[in-house]
């Protein structure tokens, strides 16, 4: 009897392994990085061969562009330029209209333009981004509309365009609310009805990924993840309308990697030893391409493009790179040069544009303030926080430590603690910000060993720190003594400023980082939170980072 039980157990184990481990991968977690590279390489080559004249369209168009641009595969600039020329021709032929009703067409094209480093606000003279400003037209298509509009807007950290003539102006908050309001009792989402659809549920997670730290959004995400875990088949894959298919598996894979979830180690998404990636590779065709169903004779166009970008998203996750739809730092792939999409040419590569993660954030005590939009723009990016969830206290001052934190967040630098000053304890909340600001030359101490973190920051100290930050952003901060004197001479009290601060003060006034509307500089007086908001916002605006 024992021999029978042991034999049966071995037989079942063999069945499980043979079912879940695709031939393109080795066992352990299922795969080797070499196998992934090979699958990406071969499918990239297959796409270049089969999609040799990329057009506007969901097959043979934008998804192939997005996958290849993110893949690292060798793609000639002429291939991307061909897509762009075809897009311009199509846009001009149709007077800037991609579709009268389906606004996901605009979102998909915006994603492709963003990833290849081209401007969606000027495509053959037409502003395609502008279409997403009409909320009612965006949501006409159902939940697909706001999902892809949000993904497209966040892909390049675009400001929501003001759409003239729109009955309802789009905001990120409206899009998020429209999406989250449709969560089903089981935590999933669907195009219609009460049955969760794995594709739509996964795409919702892709759209909400940038907001995963917000408590209310996190709750929506957690319920949707639980739903996807429950919907997963025993072979690690997913079914739609009762049919197992690769596209559903791809959408889940993209959502997990976008949320920073490892599909190979998170037990919620491993069934009988099979992960989402294991399942996707069951659809892989040796030599390049993906099937829609495992019993298909060969590669399918849509399945190949989606399977490819799904595997690319997974590869990027393994390599610690940004998600599939984070395209903030894409470069021009069409042969027009490789300048960054955001920022100035001489920007420090560590400086990054801060994404909007708290859309619609505001405070009760800034209503009617001239700086309301400026404060809200920084609060939406969590660069500048309130003193409470509802209060900003615009006239309040700020400490040197608080200001260092604001500047580090504004530049998108990674806070890393570094013991420099005796009065900055390693356990203090601001230690990583002070350490990072010092490392990048934004701050110095009040003496060799002291930073005085709790001291109130003065206007001239703030000007010096912002000017150093501006230099990191690629701005030219150099001014001659004559230029400095000419700028500051308009202020009767400029001689009361510290000699070491005058160049920075002049730079800030010349660039409107400090307002020239004031009569006096008052260099040693404390700067207010409203003034700080203005300084940071204008600097980022001048540096093309907001």
Protein backbone atom coordinates (compact mmCIF):
# COMPACT_ATOMS: atom_id res chain seq x y z
CA UNK A 1 0.00 0.00 0.00
CA UNK A 2 2.82 2.39 0.91
CA UNK A 3 4.58 1.63 -2.39
CA UNK A 4 1.34 2.41 -4.23
CA UNK A 5 0.88 5.75 -2.44
CA UNK A 6 4.52 6.71 -3.08
CA UNK A 7 4.24 5.82 -6.78
CA UNK A 8 1.03 7.80 -7.09
CA UNK A 9 2.64 10.84 -5.45
CA UNK A 10 5.60 10.68 -7.84
CA UNK A 11 3.24 10.34 -10.80
CA UNK A 12 1.23 13.42 -9.71
CA UNK A 13 4.41 15.43 -9.19
CA UNK A 14 5.58 14.59 -12.70
CA UNK A 15 2.21 15.64 -14.07
CA UNK A 16 2.38 18.98 -12.29
CA UNK A 17 5.92 19.70 -13.48
CA UNK A 18 5.16 18.72 -17.06
CA UNK A 19 2.04 20.89 -17.03
CA UNK A 20 3.58 24.01 -15.53
CA UNK A 21 7.16 24.16 -16.79
CA UNK A 22 7.28 25.32 -20.41
CA UNK A 23 10.10 24.03 -22.58
CA UNK A 24 11.48 27.52 -23.15
CA UNK A 25 12.37 27.78 -19.48
CA UNK A 26 14.25 25.80 -16.87
CA UNK A 27 12.75 24.66 -13.57
CA UNK A 28 13.65 26.37 -10.18
CA UNK A 29 11.29 29.41 -10.37
CA UNK A 30 10.38 28.12 -13.80
CA UNK A 31 12.80 30.12 -15.97
CA UNK A 32 16.26 31.42 -16.56
CA UNK A 33 17.02 35.01 -17.51
CA UNK A 34 18.73 33.72 -20.67
CA UNK A 35 15.46 32.12 -21.77
CA UNK A 36 13.61 35.39 -21.21
CA UNK A 37 16.19 37.30 -23.20
CA UNK A 38 15.94 34.77 -26.01
CA UNK A 39 12.14 34.89 -26.11
CA UNK A 40 12.18 38.70 -26.18
CA UNK A 41 14.94 38.77 -28.78
CA UNK A 42 13.27 36.28 -31.12
CA UNK A 43 9.80 37.80 -30.82
CA UNK A 44 11.21 41.29 -31.36
CA UNK A 45 12.85 40.09 -34.57
CA UNK A 46 9.60 38.34 -35.57
CA UNK A 47 7.63 41.58 -35.06
CA UNK A 48 10.06 43.63 -37.13
CA UNK A 49 9.66 41.10 -39.93
CA UNK A 50 5.86 40.82 -39.80
CA UNK A 51 5.06 44.44 -38.90
CA UNK A 52 7.39 46.07 -41.43
CA UNK A 53 5.09 49.03 -42.10
CA UNK A 54 3.54 49.97 -38.71
CA UNK A 55 0.24 51.80 -39.00
CA UNK A 56 -2.30 53.36 -36.67
CA UNK A 57 -4.18 50.42 -35.18
CA UNK A 58 -4.49 47.97 -32.32
CA UNK A 59 -2.77 45.31 -34.47
CA UNK A 60 0.36 46.12 -36.41
CA UNK A 61 0.59 49.51 -34.78
CA UNK A 62 0.88 51.05 -31.34
CA UNK A 63 1.26 47.88 -29.24
CA UNK A 64 4.13 46.71 -31.42
CA UNK A 65 5.71 50.17 -31.09
CA UNK A 66 5.35 50.18 -27.30
CA UNK A 67 6.72 46.66 -26.88
CA UNK A 68 9.73 47.17 -29.13
CA UNK A 69 10.58 50.60 -27.72
CA UNK A 70 10.72 49.17 -24.20
CA UNK A 71 12.36 45.86 -25.12
CA UNK A 72 15.97 46.74 -25.69
CA UNK A 73 15.86 44.94 -29.03
CA UNK A 74 17.83 46.52 -31.89
CA UNK A 75 15.26 48.50 -33.88
CA UNK A 76 16.34 50.90 -36.65
CA UNK A 77 15.14 54.50 -36.13
CA UNK A 78 13.58 54.31 -39.59
CA UNK A 79 11.04 51.77 -38.29
CA UNK A 80 9.75 54.22 -35.67
CA UNK A 81 9.90 57.05 -38.22
CA UNK A 82 7.76 54.96 -40.58
CA UNK A 83 5.12 54.62 -37.87
CA UNK A 84 5.24 58.34 -37.16
CA UNK A 85 4.92 59.30 -40.85
CA UNK A 86 1.98 56.94 -41.26
CA UNK A 87 0.34 58.43 -38.16
CA UNK A 88 0.80 62.00 -39.40
CA UNK A 89 -0.64 61.07 -42.80
CA UNK A 90 -3.66 59.43 -41.17
CA UNK A 91 -4.26 62.36 -38.80
CA UNK A 92 -4.08 64.93 -41.60
CA UNK A 93 -6.30 62.88 -43.88
CA UNK A 94 -9.00 62.75 -41.17
CA UNK A 95 -8.63 66.35 -39.95
CA UNK A 96 -7.19 65.26 -36.60
CA UNK A 97 -9.95 62.73 -35.87
CA UNK A 98 -8.87 59.21 -34.95
CA UNK A 99 -12.40 58.09 -34.04
CA UNK A 100 -15.65 59.91 -33.34
CA UNK A 101 -16.59 57.71 -30.37
CA UNK A 102 -13.72 55.47 -29.29
CA UNK A 103 -11.40 57.80 -27.41
CA UNK A 104 -9.19 54.88 -26.42
CA UNK A 105 -7.78 55.39 -29.93
CA UNK A 106 -6.28 58.69 -28.77
CA UNK A 107 -4.97 57.17 -25.54
CA UNK A 108 -3.28 54.30 -27.37
CA UNK A 109 -1.63 56.64 -29.88
CA UNK A 110 -0.50 58.98 -27.08
CA UNK A 111 1.20 56.02 -25.39
CA UNK A 112 3.05 55.15 -28.59
CA UNK A 113 4.09 58.76 -29.21
CA UNK A 114 5.28 59.12 -25.65
CA UNK A 115 7.41 55.99 -25.66
CA UNK A 116 9.20 57.02 -28.87
CA UNK A 117 9.74 60.55 -27.58
CA UNK A 118 7.39 62.46 -29.90
CA UNK A 119 5.02 65.25 -28.90
CA UNK A 120 1.31 64.25 -28.88
CA UNK A 121 0.29 67.92 -28.82
CA UNK A 122 1.64 68.47 -32.33
CA UNK A 123 1.08 65.59 -34.73
CA UNK A 124 0.91 67.06 -38.20
CA UNK A 125 -0.35 70.25 -36.59
CA UNK A 126 -3.03 68.52 -34.49
CA UNK A 127 -3.14 68.24 -30.70
CA UNK A 128 -4.18 64.66 -29.93
CA UNK A 129 -3.75 65.10 -26.18
CA UNK A 130 -6.44 67.78 -26.19
CA UNK A 131 -9.11 65.15 -26.86
CA UNK A 132 -8.66 63.66 -23.39
CA UNK A 133 -9.88 66.91 -21.83
CA UNK A 134 -13.51 66.17 -22.80
CA UNK A 135 -14.66 63.95 -19.94
CA UNK A 136 -18.03 62.93 -21.38
CA UNK A 137 -16.44 61.73 -24.61
CA UNK A 138 -13.69 59.90 -22.74
CA UNK A 139 -16.19 57.86 -20.70
CA UNK A 140 -18.67 57.25 -23.56
CA UNK A 141 -16.96 53.95 -24.35
CA UNK A 142 -17.43 52.62 -20.82
CA UNK A 143 -14.75 51.87 -18.24
CA UNK A 144 -12.15 51.30 -20.98
CA UNK A 145 -12.18 55.03 -21.72
CA UNK A 146 -11.15 56.39 -18.31
CA UNK A 147 -8.73 53.49 -17.77
CA UNK A 148 -6.66 54.25 -20.85
CA UNK A 149 -7.05 58.02 -20.54
CA UNK A 150 -5.53 57.84 -17.05
CA UNK A 151 -2.73 55.55 -18.25
CA UNK A 152 -1.99 57.86 -21.19
CA UNK A 153 -1.96 61.04 -19.08
CA UNK A 154 0.33 59.47 -16.49
CA UNK A 155 2.65 57.88 -19.06
CA UNK A 156 4.37 61.20 -19.65
CA UNK A 157 3.15 63.06 -16.55
CA UNK A 158 1.00 65.21 -18.82
CA UNK A 159 -1.13 68.02 -17.50
CA UNK A 160 -4.80 67.36 -18.21
CA UNK A 161 -5.56 69.55 -21.24
CA UNK A 162 -8.26 72.18 -20.99
CA UNK A 163 -10.75 71.25 -23.68
CA UNK A 164 -12.76 74.19 -24.98
CA UNK A 165 -16.39 73.32 -25.59
CA UNK A 166 -16.39 70.31 -23.27
CA UNK A 167 -19.51 70.04 -21.12
CA UNK A 168 -17.39 68.48 -18.36
CA UNK A 169 -13.67 69.14 -18.09
CA UNK A 170 -11.61 66.02 -17.43
CA UNK A 171 -9.60 65.81 -14.22
CA UNK A 172 -7.57 62.90 -12.93
CA UNK A 173 -9.86 62.74 -9.92
CA UNK A 174 -12.92 62.36 -12.15
CA UNK A 175 -11.23 59.53 -14.05
CA UNK A 176 -10.19 57.75 -10.86
CA UNK A 177 -13.62 58.16 -9.29
CA UNK A 178 -15.32 56.89 -12.45
CA UNK A 179 -13.10 53.79 -12.44
CA UNK A 180 -13.25 52.94 -8.73
CA UNK A 181 -17.02 53.48 -8.54
CA UNK A 182 -17.47 50.45 -10.79
CA UNK A 183 -15.78 47.91 -8.54
CA UNK A 184 -17.94 44.82 -8.22
CA UNK A 185 -18.81 43.10 -4.92
CA UNK A 186 -16.11 40.47 -5.54
CA UNK A 187 -13.48 43.20 -6.00
CA UNK A 188 -13.22 42.82 -9.76
CA UNK A 189 -14.28 44.96 -12.70
CA UNK A 190 -15.99 44.28 -16.02
CA UNK A 191 -17.23 46.03 -19.11
CA UNK A 192 -20.78 45.24 -18.08
CA UNK A 193 -22.67 42.94 -15.75
CA UNK A 194 -21.77 41.59 -12.32
CA UNK A 195 -19.16 39.03 -13.34
CA UNK A 196 -15.56 40.11 -12.91
CA UNK A 197 -13.47 40.11 -16.08
CA UNK A 198 -9.75 39.37 -15.55
CA UNK A 199 -8.68 41.61 -18.44
CA UNK A 200 -10.63 44.66 -17.25
CA UNK A 201 -9.71 44.06 -13.62
CA UNK A 202 -6.03 43.90 -14.55
CA UNK A 203 -6.25 47.03 -16.69
CA UNK A 204 -7.86 48.91 -13.81
CA UNK A 205 -4.85 47.95 -11.69
CA UNK A 206 -2.52 49.23 -14.42
CA UNK A 207 -4.31 52.59 -14.33
CA UNK A 208 -4.34 52.83 -10.53
CA UNK A 209 -0.73 51.71 -10.00
CA UNK A 210 0.65 55.28 -9.62
CA UNK A 211 -1.79 55.85 -6.74
CA UNK A 212 -1.15 52.65 -4.80
CA UNK A 213 0.14 54.53 -1.73
CA UNK A 214 -3.16 56.35 -1.22
CA UNK A 215 -5.18 54.61 1.47
CA UNK A 216 -8.51 54.63 -0.38
CA UNK A 217 -6.96 53.52 -3.68
CA UNK A 218 -4.90 50.85 -1.94
CA UNK A 219 -8.12 49.33 -0.61
CA UNK A 220 -9.53 49.16 -4.16
CA UNK A 221 -6.29 47.63 -5.44
CA UNK A 222 -6.14 45.02 -2.67
CA UNK A 223 -9.69 43.85 -3.37
CA UNK A 224 -8.99 43.68 -7.11
CA UNK A 225 -5.80 41.67 -6.52
CA UNK A 226 -7.73 39.24 -4.35
CA UNK A 227 -10.28 38.88 -7.13
CA UNK A 228 -7.56 38.17 -9.71
CA UNK A 229 -6.04 35.59 -7.41
CA UNK A 230 -9.41 33.85 -7.13
CA UNK A 231 -9.93 33.97 -10.90
CA UNK A 232 -6.57 32.40 -11.68
CA UNK A 233 -6.70 28.91 -13.18
CA UNK A 234 -4.80 25.93 -11.82
CA UNK A 235 -2.22 26.28 -14.63
CA UNK A 236 -1.41 29.87 -13.61
CA UNK A 237 -3.39 31.43 -16.45
CA UNK A 238 -6.74 33.12 -16.99
CA UNK A 239 -9.89 32.58 -18.98
CA UNK A 240 -12.23 35.06 -20.63
CA UNK A 241 -15.76 33.96 -21.54
CA UNK A 242 -14.73 30.45 -20.59
CA UNK A 243 -11.75 30.33 -22.96
CA UNK A 244 -8.14 30.10 -21.79
CA UNK A 245 -6.09 32.69 -23.66
CA UNK A 246 -2.74 34.42 -23.57
CA UNK A 247 -4.08 38.00 -23.69
CA UNK A 248 -5.81 37.75 -20.31
CA UNK A 249 -2.64 36.37 -18.77
CA UNK A 250 -0.64 39.25 -20.29
CA UNK A 251 -2.89 41.89 -18.75
CA UNK A 252 -2.49 40.35 -15.30
CA UNK A 253 1.28 40.13 -15.74
CA UNK A 254 1.52 43.80 -16.72
CA UNK A 255 -0.64 44.82 -13.75
CA UNK A 256 1.44 42.84 -11.24
CA UNK A 257 4.78 44.15 -12.48
CA UNK A 258 3.37 47.69 -12.60
CA UNK A 259 2.43 47.38 -8.93
CA UNK A 260 5.88 46.05 -8.05
CA UNK A 261 4.58 42.53 -7.33
CA UNK A 262 6.88 39.65 -8.24
CA UNK A 263 4.69 37.11 -10.09
CA UNK A 264 7.21 34.36 -9.32
CA UNK A 265 7.23 34.74 -5.55
CA UNK A 266 3.83 36.12 -4.59
CA UNK A 267 1.90 33.02 -3.52
CA UNK A 268 -1.42 34.64 -4.37
CA UNK A 269 -0.56 34.22 -8.04
CA UNK A 270 1.00 30.78 -8.05
CA UNK A 271 -1.39 27.87 -8.51
CA UNK A 272 -0.11 24.30 -8.22
CA UNK A 273 3.39 25.63 -8.71
CA UNK A 274 2.46 27.56 -11.86
CA UNK A 275 2.97 31.33 -12.09
CA UNK A 276 1.51 33.84 -14.53
CA UNK A 277 4.78 33.86 -16.48
CA UNK A 278 4.82 30.05 -16.62
CA UNK A 279 1.39 30.18 -18.19
CA UNK A 280 2.26 32.88 -20.70
CA UNK A 281 5.20 30.85 -21.93
CA UNK A 282 2.87 27.95 -22.69
CA UNK A 283 1.62 30.16 -25.56
CA UNK A 284 5.11 31.02 -26.79
CA UNK A 285 6.12 29.75 -30.25
CA UNK A 286 9.74 28.73 -30.55
CA UNK A 287 11.53 31.17 -32.82
CA UNK A 288 9.28 34.08 -31.93
CA UNK A 289 5.59 34.85 -31.47
CA UNK A 290 2.66 33.90 -29.25
CA UNK A 291 -0.55 31.98 -29.80
CA UNK A 292 -3.96 33.12 -28.65
CA UNK A 293 -4.88 29.58 -27.56
CA UNK A 294 -2.46 26.75 -26.89
CA UNK A 295 -3.97 24.58 -29.64
CA UNK A 296 -3.55 27.27 -32.33
CA UNK A 297 -1.41 26.21 -35.27
CA UNK A 298 0.97 29.16 -35.00
CA UNK A 299 1.47 32.75 -33.85
CA UNK A 300 -1.45 35.17 -33.79
CA UNK A 301 -0.88 38.87 -34.55
CA UNK A 302 -2.63 40.38 -31.53
CA UNK A 303 -1.47 37.61 -29.18
CA UNK A 304 2.13 38.10 -30.32
CA UNK A 305 2.14 41.86 -29.76
CA UNK A 306 0.51 41.53 -26.36
CA UNK A 307 2.55 38.50 -25.31
CA UNK A 308 5.68 40.39 -26.33
CA UNK A 309 4.97 43.52 -24.30
CA UNK A 310 3.87 41.34 -21.37
CA UNK A 311 7.20 39.54 -21.40
CA UNK A 312 8.98 42.89 -21.83
CA UNK A 313 7.16 44.25 -18.77
CA UNK A 314 8.30 41.21 -16.80
CA UNK A 315 11.88 41.55 -18.03
CA UNK A 316 11.91 45.23 -17.05
CA UNK A 317 10.60 44.32 -13.61
CA UNK A 318 13.40 41.79 -13.11
CA UNK A 319 15.96 44.43 -14.14
CA UNK A 320 14.56 47.03 -11.72
CA UNK A 321 13.32 49.33 -14.50
CA UNK A 322 10.15 51.41 -14.60
CA UNK A 323 6.86 49.79 -15.54
CA UNK A 324 5.53 49.38 -19.06
CA UNK A 325 3.47 52.56 -18.94
CA UNK A 326 5.97 54.77 -17.12
CA UNK A 327 7.40 56.60 -20.12
CA UNK A 328 8.47 59.85 -18.44
CA UNK A 329 12.06 59.43 -19.52
CA UNK A 330 11.59 58.07 -23.02
CA UNK A 331 13.92 59.28 -25.75
CA UNK A 332 13.39 60.20 -29.38
CA UNK A 333 13.68 56.88 -31.23
CA UNK A 334 12.76 58.23 -34.66
CA UNK A 335 16.25 59.47 -35.55
CA UNK A 336 15.75 63.05 -34.44
CA UNK A 337 18.19 62.79 -31.55
CA UNK A 338 17.99 61.29 -28.10
CA UNK A 339 17.08 64.24 -25.92
CA UNK A 340 14.98 63.43 -22.88
CA UNK A 341 11.31 64.04 -23.09
CA UNK A 342 11.35 66.03 -19.87
CA UNK A 343 13.97 68.29 -18.40
CA UNK A 344 16.76 70.40 -19.85
CA UNK A 345 19.70 69.00 -21.85
CA UNK A 346 22.24 69.53 -19.04
CA UNK A 347 20.04 68.06 -16.30
CA UNK A 348 21.67 65.73 -13.81
CA UNK A 349 20.46 62.23 -14.81
CA UNK A 350 19.37 61.54 -11.22
CA UNK A 351 16.87 64.40 -11.34
CA UNK A 352 13.42 63.11 -12.27
CA UNK A 353 10.04 64.60 -12.93
CA UNK A 354 7.65 63.93 -10.04
CA UNK A 355 4.40 62.19 -11.08
CA UNK A 356 0.96 63.18 -9.87
CA UNK A 357 0.07 60.73 -7.10
CA UNK A 358 -2.61 62.68 -5.20
CA UNK A 359 -4.83 64.17 -7.93
CA UNK A 360 -7.21 66.89 -6.81
CA UNK A 361 -5.41 67.43 -3.50
CA UNK A 362 -6.33 70.77 -1.93
CA UNK A 363 -6.61 72.49 1.46
CA UNK A 364 -9.41 74.43 3.09
CA UNK A 365 -7.25 77.45 3.90
CA UNK A 366 -5.99 78.22 0.37
CA UNK A 367 -9.39 78.91 -1.21
CA UNK A 368 -9.18 82.28 -2.94
CA UNK A 369 -5.39 82.42 -2.68
CA UNK A 370 -3.43 83.56 -5.75
CA UNK A 371 -1.12 80.61 -5.10
CA UNK A 372 -3.90 78.03 -4.89
CA UNK A 373 -3.08 76.27 -8.18
CA UNK A 374 0.66 76.33 -7.43
CA UNK A 375 0.19 74.77 -3.99
CA UNK A 376 -2.22 72.17 -5.37
CA UNK A 377 0.21 71.24 -8.18
CA UNK A 378 2.98 70.54 -5.66
CA UNK A 379 0.66 68.80 -3.20
CA UNK A 380 -0.64 66.53 -6.00
CA UNK A 381 2.95 65.37 -6.49
CA UNK A 382 3.57 65.18 -2.71
CA UNK A 383 6.45 67.62 -3.08
CA UNK A 384 4.92 69.98 -0.55
CA UNK A 385 2.54 68.61 2.08
CA UNK A 386 0.02 70.27 4.33
CA UNK A 387 0.41 70.61 8.08
CA UNK A 388 -2.66 68.38 8.22
CA UNK A 389 -4.84 66.66 5.66
CA UNK A 390 -7.07 69.74 5.28
CA UNK A 391 -4.81 72.63 6.30
CA UNK A 392 -1.81 74.13 4.51
CA UNK A 393 -1.13 77.21 6.71
CA UNK A 394 0.22 79.34 3.85
CA UNK A 395 1.71 82.03 6.12
CA UNK A 396 3.60 79.59 8.31
CA UNK A 397 7.40 79.36 8.16
CA UNK A 398 9.52 76.28 7.47
CA UNK A 399 12.60 74.76 9.06
CA UNK A 400 15.85 74.12 7.21
CA UNK A 401 15.23 70.36 7.44
CA UNK A 402 11.70 70.71 6.04
CA UNK A 403 12.98 72.82 3.17
CA UNK A 404 15.72 70.30 2.35
CA UNK A 405 13.05 67.60 2.16
CA UNK A 406 10.90 69.70 -0.18
CA UNK A 407 13.80 70.32 -2.58
CA UNK A 408 14.86 66.65 -2.64
CA UNK A 409 11.27 65.57 -3.39
CA UNK A 410 10.95 68.29 -6.05
CA UNK A 411 13.96 66.90 -7.91
CA UNK A 412 12.78 63.30 -7.61
CA UNK A 413 16.01 62.29 -5.87
CA UNK A 414 16.11 59.10 -3.84
CA UNK A 415 16.48 59.99 -0.12
CA UNK A 416 19.50 58.22 1.35
CA UNK A 417 20.77 58.83 4.88
CA UNK A 418 24.40 59.87 5.08
CA UNK A 419 25.98 60.89 8.38
CA UNK A 420 27.36 64.39 7.83
CA UNK A 421 26.25 66.69 10.63
CA UNK A 422 26.44 66.07 14.36
CA UNK A 423 22.96 67.57 14.93
CA UNK A 424 21.20 65.38 12.35
CA UNK A 425 20.37 62.14 14.11
CA UNK A 426 20.21 59.09 11.86
CA UNK A 427 16.80 58.15 13.29
CA UNK A 428 15.23 61.53 12.46
CA UNK A 429 12.67 61.65 9.66
CA UNK A 430 14.71 64.26 7.80
CA UNK A 431 18.12 62.53 7.94
CA UNK A 432 17.76 60.90 4.47
CA UNK A 433 16.71 64.23 2.94
CA UNK A 434 19.53 66.20 4.54
CA UNK A 435 22.05 63.52 3.54
CA UNK A 436 20.83 63.51 -0.05
CA UNK A 437 20.68 67.31 -0.32
CA UNK A 438 24.27 67.51 0.98
CA UNK A 439 25.48 64.78 -1.39
CA UNK A 440 24.13 66.68 -4.42
CA UNK A 441 25.54 70.01 -3.24
CA UNK A 442 22.15 71.60 -2.52
CA UNK A 443 22.92 72.39 1.11
CA UNK A 444 25.85 73.11 3.37
CA UNK A 445 25.86 73.42 7.13
CA UNK A 446 25.68 76.49 9.31
CA UNK A 447 29.16 75.32 10.36
CA UNK A 448 31.42 72.40 9.53
CA UNK A 449 29.62 69.99 11.85
CA UNK A 450 26.19 71.59 12.31
CA UNK A 451 23.23 71.87 9.99
CA UNK A 452 20.76 73.46 12.45
CA UNK A 453 17.83 71.47 11.07
CA UNK A 454 15.22 73.02 13.34
CA UNK A 455 16.20 76.62 12.58
CA UNK A 456 13.74 78.58 10.48
CA UNK A 457 14.97 79.00 6.93
CA UNK A 458 15.48 82.56 5.71
CA UNK A 459 14.71 84.00 2.32
CA UNK A 460 18.36 84.21 1.29
CA UNK A 461 19.09 80.67 2.49
CA UNK A 462 16.12 79.39 0.49
CA UNK A 463 17.31 81.29 -2.58
CA UNK A 464 20.75 79.69 -2.36
CA UNK A 465 19.33 76.17 -2.01
CA UNK A 466 16.88 76.63 -4.89
CA UNK A 467 19.61 78.04 -7.11
CA UNK A 468 21.81 75.02 -6.46
CA UNK A 469 18.82 72.80 -7.22
CA UNK A 470 18.24 74.74 -10.45
CA UNK A 471 21.82 73.99 -11.50
CA UNK A 472 21.13 70.26 -11.02
CA UNK A 473 18.09 70.72 -13.24
CA UNK A 474 20.32 71.99 -16.04
CA UNK A 475 19.64 75.71 -15.66
CA UNK A 476 22.42 78.24 -16.22
CA UNK A 477 22.79 79.97 -12.85
CA UNK A 478 25.99 81.92 -13.57
CA UNK A 479 25.72 85.72 -13.25
CA UNK A 480 28.46 88.32 -13.37
CA UNK A 481 28.92 90.82 -10.54
CA UNK A 482 27.51 93.54 -12.79
CA UNK A 483 24.42 91.46 -13.65
CA UNK A 484 23.90 90.63 -9.99
CA UNK A 485 24.14 94.27 -8.96
CA UNK A 486 21.78 95.43 -11.73
CA UNK A 487 19.10 92.93 -10.67
CA UNK A 488 19.37 93.62 -6.94
CA UNK A 489 19.76 97.40 -7.16
CA UNK A 490 15.99 97.79 -7.52
CA UNK A 491 15.62 96.71 -3.88
CA UNK A 492 16.57 99.40 -1.31
CA UNK A 493 17.71 96.80 1.25
CA UNK A 494 19.83 94.60 -1.01
CA UNK A 495 23.04 95.60 0.78
CA UNK A 496 21.68 93.95 3.94
CA UNK A 497 21.85 90.57 2.22
CA UNK A 498 24.84 88.28 2.84
CA UNK A 499 27.54 88.50 0.20
CA UNK A 500 27.43 84.72 -0.35
CA UNK A 501 23.70 84.89 -1.15
CA UNK A 502 23.58 87.79 -3.64
CA UNK A 503 24.26 85.78 -6.77
CA UNK A 504 21.52 83.31 -5.86
CA UNK A 505 19.08 86.09 -4.96
CA UNK A 506 19.74 87.81 -8.29
CA UNK A 507 19.23 84.53 -10.17
CA UNK A 508 15.94 83.89 -8.38
CA UNK A 509 14.61 87.40 -9.02
CA UNK A 510 15.73 87.36 -12.65
CA UNK A 511 13.85 84.07 -13.23
CA UNK A 512 10.77 85.07 -11.18
CA UNK A 513 11.55 82.32 -8.68
CA UNK A 514 11.32 85.18 -6.21
CA UNK A 515 8.70 87.78 -7.09
CA UNK A 516 9.99 91.18 -8.19
CA UNK A 517 6.70 92.75 -7.16
CA UNK A 518 7.97 93.18 -3.60
CA UNK A 519 9.61 96.42 -2.45
CA UNK A 520 12.31 94.88 -0.23
CA UNK A 521 14.20 91.60 -0.22
CA UNK A 522 14.15 91.16 3.58
CA UNK A 523 16.91 88.54 3.14
CA UNK A 524 17.22 87.45 6.77
CA UNK A 525 13.48 87.15 7.38
CA UNK A 526 11.76 83.78 7.41
CA UNK A 527 10.27 82.71 4.09
CA UNK A 528 6.63 81.56 4.17
CA UNK A 529 5.21 78.29 2.92
CA UNK A 530 3.36 80.14 0.14
CA UNK A 531 6.60 81.79 -1.01
CA UNK A 532 8.34 78.42 -0.94
CA UNK A 533 5.58 76.90 -3.07
CA UNK A 534 6.07 79.69 -5.62
CA UNK A 535 9.87 79.26 -5.63
CA UNK A 536 9.78 75.50 -6.14
CA UNK A 537 7.01 75.57 -8.74
CA UNK A 538 8.62 78.26 -10.91
CA UNK A 539 12.01 76.52 -10.74
CA UNK A 540 10.44 73.24 -11.90
CA UNK A 541 8.49 75.04 -14.59
CA UNK A 542 11.62 76.78 -15.92
CA UNK A 543 13.43 73.43 -15.86
CA UNK A 544 10.64 71.71 -17.82
CA UNK A 545 9.94 69.34 -14.94
CA UNK A 546 6.33 70.20 -14.22
